[in-house]
PDB file of all heavy atoms in Angstrom:
ATOM      1  N   SER A   1     -37.702 113.077  -7.943  1.00  0.00           N
ATOM      2  CA  SER A   1     -38.153 112.818  -9.305  1.00  0.00           C
ATOM      3  C   SER A   1     -37.438 111.620  -9.931  1.00  0.00           C
ATOM      4  O   SER A   1     -37.936 111.017 -10.867  1.00  0.00           O
ATOM      5  CB  SER A   1     -37.924 114.054 -10.174  1.00  0.00           C
ATOM      6  OG  SER A   1     -36.558 114.426 -10.156  1.00  0.00           O
ATOM      7  N   ALA A   2     -36.242 111.277  -9.430  1.00  0.00           N
ATOM      8  CA  ALA A   2     -35.488 110.161 -10.010  1.00  0.00           C
ATOM      9  C   ALA A   2     -36.202 108.845  -9.715  1.00  0.00           C
ATOM     10  O   ALA A   2     -36.571 108.575  -8.569  1.00  0.00           O
ATOM     11  CB  ALA A   2     -34.076 110.127  -9.441  1.00  0.00           C
ATOM     12  N   PRO A   3     -36.414 108.004 -10.744  1.00  0.00           N
ATOM     13  CA  PRO A   3     -37.094 106.728 -10.518  1.00  0.00           C
ATOM     14  C   PRO A   3     -36.210 105.754  -9.759  1.00  0.00           C
ATOM     15  O   PRO A   3     -34.983 105.892  -9.721  1.00  0.00           O
ATOM     16  CB  PRO A   3     -37.375 106.232 -11.936  1.00  0.00           C
ATOM     17  CG  PRO A   3     -36.308 106.862 -12.768  1.00  0.00           C
ATOM     18  CD  PRO A   3     -36.043 108.206 -12.147  1.00  0.00           C
ATOM     19  N   VAL A   4     -36.832 104.751  -9.157  1.00  0.00           N
ATOM     20  CA  VAL A   4     -36.107 103.703  -8.440  1.00  0.00           C
ATOM     21  C   VAL A   4     -36.491 102.359  -9.049  1.00  0.00           C
ATOM     22  O   VAL A   4     -37.534 102.213  -9.683  1.00  0.00           O
ATOM     23  CB  VAL A   4     -36.434 103.716  -6.936  1.00  0.00           C
ATOM     24  CG1 VAL A   4     -35.965 104.992  -6.295  1.00  0.00           C
ATOM     25  CG2 VAL A   4     -37.938 103.542  -6.706  1.00  0.00           C
ATOM     26  N   ILE A   5     -35.622 101.385  -8.878  1.00  0.00           N
ATOM     27  CA  ILE A   5     -35.872 100.045  -9.406  1.00  0.00           C
ATOM     28  C   ILE A   5     -36.579  99.214  -8.339  1.00  0.00           C
ATOM     29  O   ILE A   5     -36.168  99.177  -7.188  1.00  0.00           O
ATOM     30  CB  ILE A   5     -34.551  99.359  -9.816  1.00  0.00           C
ATOM     31  CG1 ILE A   5     -33.847 100.177 -10.901  1.00  0.00           C
ATOM     32  CG2 ILE A   5     -34.820  97.944 -10.314  1.00  0.00           C
ATOM     33  CD1 ILE A   5     -34.626 100.305 -12.187  1.00  0.00           C
ATOM     34  N   ARG A   6     -37.651  98.557  -8.750  1.00  0.00           N
ATOM     35  CA  ARG A   6     -38.344  97.614  -7.878  1.00  0.00           C
ATOM     36  C   ARG A   6     -38.367  96.263  -8.590  1.00  0.00           C
ATOM     37  O   ARG A   6     -38.690  96.181  -9.779  1.00  0.00           O
ATOM     38  CB  ARG A   6     -39.775  98.095  -7.594  1.00  0.00           C
ATOM     39  CG  ARG A   6     -39.806  99.334  -6.713  1.00  0.00           C
ATOM     40  CD  ARG A   6     -39.406  98.969  -5.297  1.00  0.00           C
ATOM     41  NE  ARG A   6     -39.350 100.133  -4.426  1.00  0.00           N
ATOM     42  CZ  ARG A   6     -38.246 100.803  -4.171  1.00  0.00           C
ATOM     43  NH1 ARG A   6     -37.098 100.421  -4.737  1.00  0.00           N
ATOM     44  NH2 ARG A   6     -38.245 101.828  -3.364  1.00  0.00           N
ATOM     45  N   GLU A   7     -37.997  95.210  -7.846  1.00  0.00           N
ATOM     46  CA  GLU A   7     -37.879  93.891  -8.477  1.00  0.00           C
ATOM     47  C   GLU A   7     -38.227  92.805  -7.480  1.00  0.00           C
ATOM     48  O   GLU A   7     -38.215  93.017  -6.255  1.00  0.00           O
ATOM     49  CB  GLU A   7     -36.455  93.689  -8.989  1.00  0.00           C
ATOM     50  CG  GLU A   7     -35.396  93.800  -7.906  1.00  0.00           C
ATOM     51  CD  GLU A   7     -33.990  93.817  -8.479  1.00  0.00           C
ATOM     52  OE1 GLU A   7     -33.820  93.389  -9.620  1.00  0.00           O
ATOM     53  OE2 GLU A   7     -33.071  94.277  -7.772  1.00  0.00           O
ATOM     54  N   ALA A   8     -38.547  91.648  -8.023  1.00  0.00           N
ATOM     55  CA  ALA A   8     -38.899  90.516  -7.177  1.00  0.00           C
ATOM     56  C   ALA A   8     -37.674  90.013  -6.421  1.00  0.00           C
ATOM     57  O   ALA A   8     -36.569  90.015  -6.953  1.00  0.00           O
ATOM     58  CB  ALA A   8     -39.480  89.392  -8.039  1.00  0.00           C
ATOM     59  N   GLY A   9     -37.894  89.613  -5.177  1.00  0.00           N
ATOM     60  CA  GLY A   9     -36.806  89.075  -4.364  1.00  0.00           C
ATOM     61  C   GLY A   9     -35.965  90.176  -3.760  1.00  0.00           C
ATOM     62  O   GLY A   9     -35.988  91.325  -4.186  1.00  0.00           O
ATOM     63  N   GLY A  10     -35.205  89.851  -2.728  1.00  0.00           N
ATOM     64  CA  GLY A  10     -34.302  90.815  -2.107  1.00  0.00           C
ATOM     65  C   GLY A  10     -35.039  91.866  -1.302  1.00  0.00           C
ATOM     66  O   GLY A  10     -36.209  91.716  -0.941  1.00  0.00           O
ATOM     67  N   ASP A  11     -34.325  92.961  -1.052  1.00  0.00           N
ATOM     68  CA  ASP A  11     -34.851  94.000  -0.186  1.00  0.00           C
ATOM     69  C   ASP A  11     -35.360  95.214  -0.958  1.00  0.00           C
ATOM     70  O   ASP A  11     -35.538  96.291  -0.396  1.00  0.00           O
ATOM     71  CB  ASP A  11     -33.756  94.463   0.793  1.00  0.00           C
ATOM     72  CG  ASP A  11     -33.418  93.377   1.813  1.00  0.00           C
ATOM     73  OD1 ASP A  11     -34.269  92.479   1.992  1.00  0.00           O
ATOM     74  OD2 ASP A  11     -32.325  93.416   2.391  1.00  0.00           O
ATOM     75  N   ARG A  12     -35.595  95.072  -2.258  1.00  0.00           N
ATOM     76  CA  ARG A  12     -36.123  96.176  -3.060  1.00  0.00           C
ATOM     77  C   ARG A  12     -37.425  95.761  -3.733  1.00  0.00           C
ATOM     78  O   ARG A  12     -37.689  96.120  -4.877  1.00  0.00           O
ATOM     79  CB  ARG A  12     -35.089  96.626  -4.097  1.00  0.00           C
ATOM     80  CG  ARG A  12     -33.876  97.277  -3.454  1.00  0.00           C
ATOM     81  CD  ARG A  12     -32.861  97.728  -4.486  1.00  0.00           C
ATOM     82  NE  ARG A  12     -31.757  98.398  -3.821  1.00  0.00           N
ATOM     83  CZ  ARG A  12     -31.714  99.686  -3.547  1.00  0.00           C
ATOM     84  NH1 ARG A  12     -32.722 100.463  -3.888  1.00  0.00           N
ATOM     85  NH2 ARG A  12     -30.682 100.234  -2.938  1.00  0.00           N
ATOM     86  N   SER A  13     -38.203  95.001  -3.018  1.00  0.00           N
ATOM     87  CA  SER A  13     -39.439  94.491  -3.601  1.00  0.00           C
ATOM     88  C   SER A  13     -40.678  95.234  -3.130  1.00  0.00           C
ATOM     89  O   SER A  13     -41.747  95.077  -3.708  1.00  0.00           O
ATOM     90  CB  SER A  13     -39.591  93.005  -3.281  1.00  0.00           C
ATOM     91  OG  SER A  13     -39.645  92.805  -1.873  1.00  0.00           O
ATOM     92  N   ALA A  14     -40.558  96.040  -2.086  1.00  0.00           N
ATOM     93  CA  ALA A  14     -41.731  96.715  -1.531  1.00  0.00           C
ATOM     94  C   ALA A  14     -42.163  97.872  -2.421  1.00  0.00           C
ATOM     95  O   ALA A  14     -41.343  98.658  -2.885  1.00  0.00           O
ATOM     96  CB  ALA A  14     -41.424  97.226  -0.127  1.00  0.00           C
ATOM     97  N   VAL A  15     -43.460  97.975  -2.682  1.00  0.00           N
ATOM     98  CA  VAL A  15     -44.021  99.087  -3.450  1.00  0.00           C
ATOM     99  C   VAL A  15     -45.160  99.706  -2.660  1.00  0.00           C
ATOM    100  O   VAL A  15     -45.785  99.048  -1.822  1.00  0.00           O
ATOM    101  CB  VAL A  15     -44.516  98.627  -4.837  1.00  0.00           C
ATOM    102  CG1 VAL A  15     -43.353  98.253  -5.732  1.00  0.00           C
ATOM    103  CG2 VAL A  15     -45.490  97.463  -4.727  1.00  0.00           C
ATOM    104  N   THR A  16     -45.433 100.987  -2.939  1.00  0.00           N
ATOM    105  CA  THR A  16     -46.396 101.752  -2.173  1.00  0.00           C
ATOM    106  C   THR A  16     -47.510 102.260  -3.075  1.00  0.00           C
ATOM    107  O   THR A  16     -47.255 102.700  -4.199  1.00  0.00           O
ATOM    108  CB  THR A  16     -45.711 102.948  -1.488  1.00  0.00           C
ATOM    109  OG1 THR A  16     -44.632 102.449  -0.690  1.00  0.00           O
ATOM    110  CG2 THR A  16     -46.675 103.704  -0.593  1.00  0.00           C
ATOM    111  N   ALA A  17     -48.725 102.213  -2.570  1.00  0.00           N
ATOM    112  CA  ALA A  17     -49.877 102.695  -3.327  1.00  0.00           C
ATOM    113  C   ALA A  17     -49.685 104.151  -3.726  1.00  0.00           C
ATOM    114  O   ALA A  17     -49.168 104.956  -2.952  1.00  0.00           O
ATOM    115  CB  ALA A  17     -51.148 102.544  -2.489  1.00  0.00           C
ATOM    116  N   GLY A  18     -50.113 104.486  -4.949  1.00  0.00           N
ATOM    117  CA  GLY A  18     -50.036 105.860  -5.422  1.00  0.00           C
ATOM    118  C   GLY A  18     -48.778 106.194  -6.177  1.00  0.00           C
ATOM    119  O   GLY A  18     -48.668 107.286  -6.746  1.00  0.00           O
ATOM    120  N   THR A  19     -47.783 105.275  -6.195  1.00  0.00           N
ATOM    121  CA  THR A  19     -46.571 105.511  -6.985  1.00  0.00           C
ATOM    122  C   THR A  19     -46.777 104.929  -8.389  1.00  0.00           C
ATOM    123  O   THR A  19     -47.613 104.059  -8.596  1.00  0.00           O
ATOM    124  CB  THR A  19     -45.345 104.886  -6.313  1.00  0.00           C
ATOM    125  OG1 THR A  19     -45.563 103.481  -6.120  1.00  0.00           O
ATOM    126  CG2 THR A  19     -45.109 105.519  -4.944  1.00  0.00           C
ATOM    127  N   ARG A  20     -46.000 105.423  -9.351  1.00  0.00           N
ATOM    128  CA  ARG A  20     -46.270 105.102 -10.754  1.00  0.00           C
ATOM    129  C   ARG A  20     -45.134 104.302 -11.385  1.00  0.00           C
ATOM    130  O   ARG A  20     -43.958 104.654 -11.236  1.00  0.00           O
ATOM    131  CB  ARG A  20     -46.476 106.392 -11.552  1.00  0.00           C
ATOM    132  CG  ARG A  20     -46.928 106.151 -13.002  1.00  0.00           C
ATOM    133  CD  ARG A  20     -47.090 107.473 -13.744  1.00  0.00           C
ATOM    134  NE  ARG A  20     -48.108 108.308 -13.161  1.00  0.00           N
ATOM    135  CZ  ARG A  20     -49.419 108.206 -13.425  1.00  0.00           C
ATOM    136  NH1 ARG A  20     -49.840 107.275 -14.269  1.00  0.00           N
ATOM    137  NH2 ARG A  20     -50.278 109.024 -12.858  1.00  0.00           N
ATOM    138  N   VAL A  21     -45.498 103.233 -12.100  1.00  0.00           N
ATOM    139  CA  VAL A  21     -44.537 102.454 -12.886  1.00  0.00           C
ATOM    140  C   VAL A  21     -44.276 103.202 -14.189  1.00  0.00           C
ATOM    141  O   VAL A  21     -45.220 103.558 -14.906  1.00  0.00           O
ATOM    142  CB  VAL A  21     -45.084 101.043 -13.178  1.00  0.00           C
ATOM    143  CG1 VAL A  21     -44.191 100.316 -14.176  1.00  0.00           C
ATOM    144  CG2 VAL A  21     -45.177 100.237 -11.890  1.00  0.00           C
ATOM    145  N   ILE A  22     -43.006 103.466 -14.476  1.00  0.00           N
ATOM    146  CA  ILE A  22     -42.692 104.255 -15.676  1.00  0.00           C
ATOM    147  C   ILE A  22     -41.996 103.438 -16.758  1.00  0.00           C
ATOM    148  O   ILE A  22     -41.743 103.950 -17.850  1.00  0.00           O
ATOM    149  CB  ILE A  22     -41.851 105.495 -15.316  1.00  0.00           C
ATOM    150  CG1 ILE A  22     -40.541 105.105 -14.638  1.00  0.00           C
ATOM    151  CG2 ILE A  22     -42.643 106.453 -14.456  1.00  0.00           C
ATOM    152  CD1 ILE A  22     -39.626 106.281 -14.365  1.00  0.00           C
ATOM    153  N   SER A  23     -41.683 102.173 -16.465  1.00  0.00           N
ATOM    154  CA  SER A  23     -41.153 101.303 -17.516  1.00  0.00           C
ATOM    155  C   SER A  23     -41.389  99.855 -17.135  1.00  0.00           C
ATOM    156  O   SER A  23     -41.452  99.520 -15.951  1.00  0.00           O
ATOM    157  CB  SER A  23     -39.651 101.540 -17.730  1.00  0.00           C
ATOM    158  OG  SER A  23     -38.897 100.989 -16.666  1.00  0.00           O
ATOM    159  N   ASP A  24     -41.559  99.012 -18.150  1.00  0.00           N
ATOM    160  CA  ASP A  24     -41.736  97.579 -17.954  1.00  0.00           C
ATOM    161  C   ASP A  24     -43.035  97.273 -17.212  1.00  0.00           C
ATOM    162  O   ASP A  24     -43.931  98.115 -17.131  1.00  0.00           O
ATOM    163  CB  ASP A  24     -40.518  96.987 -17.235  1.00  0.00           C
ATOM    164  CG  ASP A  24     -39.225  97.290 -17.963  1.00  0.00           C
ATOM    165  OD1 ASP A  24     -39.073  96.820 -19.097  1.00  0.00           O
ATOM    166  OD2 ASP A  24     -38.386  98.019 -17.399  1.00  0.00           O
ATOM    167  N   GLN A  25     -43.112  96.102 -16.633  1.00  0.00           N
ATOM    168  CA  GLN A  25     -44.298  95.725 -15.868  1.00  0.00           C
ATOM    169  C   GLN A  25     -43.899  94.781 -14.739  1.00  0.00           C
ATOM    170  O   GLN A  25     -42.872  94.112 -14.802  1.00  0.00           O
ATOM    171  CB  GLN A  25     -45.340  95.056 -16.753  1.00  0.00           C
ATOM    172  CG  GLN A  25     -44.919  93.707 -17.319  1.00  0.00           C
ATOM    173  CD  GLN A  25     -46.016  93.061 -18.153  1.00  0.00           C
ATOM    174  OE1 GLN A  25     -46.811  93.741 -18.777  1.00  0.00           O
ATOM    175  NE2 GLN A  25     -46.054  91.739 -18.151  1.00  0.00           N
ATOM    176  N   ILE A  26     -44.713  94.775 -13.707  1.00  0.00           N
ATOM    177  CA  ILE A  26     -44.462  93.925 -12.545  1.00  0.00           C
ATOM    178  C   ILE A  26     -45.774  93.318 -12.072  1.00  0.00           C
ATOM    179  O   ILE A  26     -46.858  93.853 -12.332  1.00  0.00           O
ATOM    180  CB  ILE A  26     -43.821  94.712 -11.376  1.00  0.00           C
ATOM    181  CG1 ILE A  26     -44.603  96.005 -11.086  1.00  0.00           C
ATOM    182  CG2 ILE A  26     -42.363  95.012 -11.632  1.00  0.00           C
ATOM    183  CD1 ILE A  26     -44.089  96.814  -9.917  1.00  0.00           C
ATOM    184  N   LYS A  27     -45.634  92.193 -11.397  1.00  0.00           N
ATOM    185  CA  LYS A  27     -46.777  91.606 -10.708  1.00  0.00           C
ATOM    186  C   LYS A  27     -46.568  91.823  -9.218  1.00  0.00           C
ATOM    187  O   LYS A  27     -45.478  91.559  -8.693  1.00  0.00           O
ATOM    188  CB  LYS A  27     -46.902  90.113 -11.031  1.00  0.00           C
ATOM    189  CG  LYS A  27     -47.310  89.840 -12.472  1.00  0.00           C
ATOM    190  CD  LYS A  27     -47.430  88.352 -12.748  1.00  0.00           C
ATOM    191  CE  LYS A  27     -47.793  88.096 -14.217  1.00  0.00           C
ATOM    192  NZ  LYS A  27     -47.870  86.643 -14.511  1.00  0.00           N
ATOM    193  N   VAL A  28     -47.598  92.321  -8.569  1.00  0.00           N
ATOM    194  CA  VAL A  28     -47.496  92.717  -7.160  1.00  0.00           C
ATOM    195  C   VAL A  28     -48.492  91.927  -6.328  1.00  0.00           C
ATOM    196  O   VAL A  28     -49.679  91.831  -6.681  1.00  0.00           O
ATOM    197  CB  VAL A  28     -47.772  94.236  -7.006  1.00  0.00           C
ATOM    198  CG1 VAL A  28     -47.763  94.639  -5.532  1.00  0.00           C
ATOM    199  CG2 VAL A  28     -46.748  95.047  -7.794  1.00  0.00           C
ATOM    200  N   ARG A  29     -48.008  91.363  -5.229  1.00  0.00           N
ATOM    201  CA  ARG A  29     -48.899  90.722  -4.268  1.00  0.00           C
ATOM    202  C   ARG A  29     -49.289  91.750  -3.211  1.00  0.00           C
ATOM    203  O   ARG A  29     -48.438  92.323  -2.529  1.00  0.00           O
ATOM    204  CB  ARG A  29     -48.234  89.518  -3.601  1.00  0.00           C
ATOM    205  CG  ARG A  29     -49.178  88.804  -2.611  1.00  0.00           C
ATOM    206  CD  ARG A  29     -48.568  87.557  -1.990  1.00  0.00           C
ATOM    207  NE  ARG A  29     -47.371  87.875  -1.231  1.00  0.00           N
ATOM    208  CZ  ARG A  29     -46.155  87.468  -1.549  1.00  0.00           C
ATOM    209  NH1 ARG A  29     -45.959  86.738  -2.634  1.00  0.00           N
ATOM    210  NH2 ARG A  29     -45.114  87.780  -0.807  1.00  0.00           N
ATOM    211  N   VAL A  30     -50.576  92.008  -3.078  1.00  0.00           N
ATOM    212  CA  VAL A  30     -51.071  92.989  -2.108  1.00  0.00           C
ATOM    213  C   VAL A  30     -50.818  92.462  -0.700  1.00  0.00           C
ATOM    214  O   VAL A  30     -51.099  91.290  -0.404  1.00  0.00           O
ATOM    215  CB  VAL A  30     -52.579  93.257  -2.327  1.00  0.00           C
ATOM    216  CG1 VAL A  30     -53.119  94.223  -1.283  1.00  0.00           C
ATOM    217  CG2 VAL A  30     -52.807  93.801  -3.737  1.00  0.00           C
TER     218      VAL A  30
END
């Protein structure tokens, strides 16, 4: 249940379909 940070650059940029953004906004390249 604990959220994780996703950000541009580095090794924490990958996001998966079906997960939910709970704060701020991001632009994602498919």
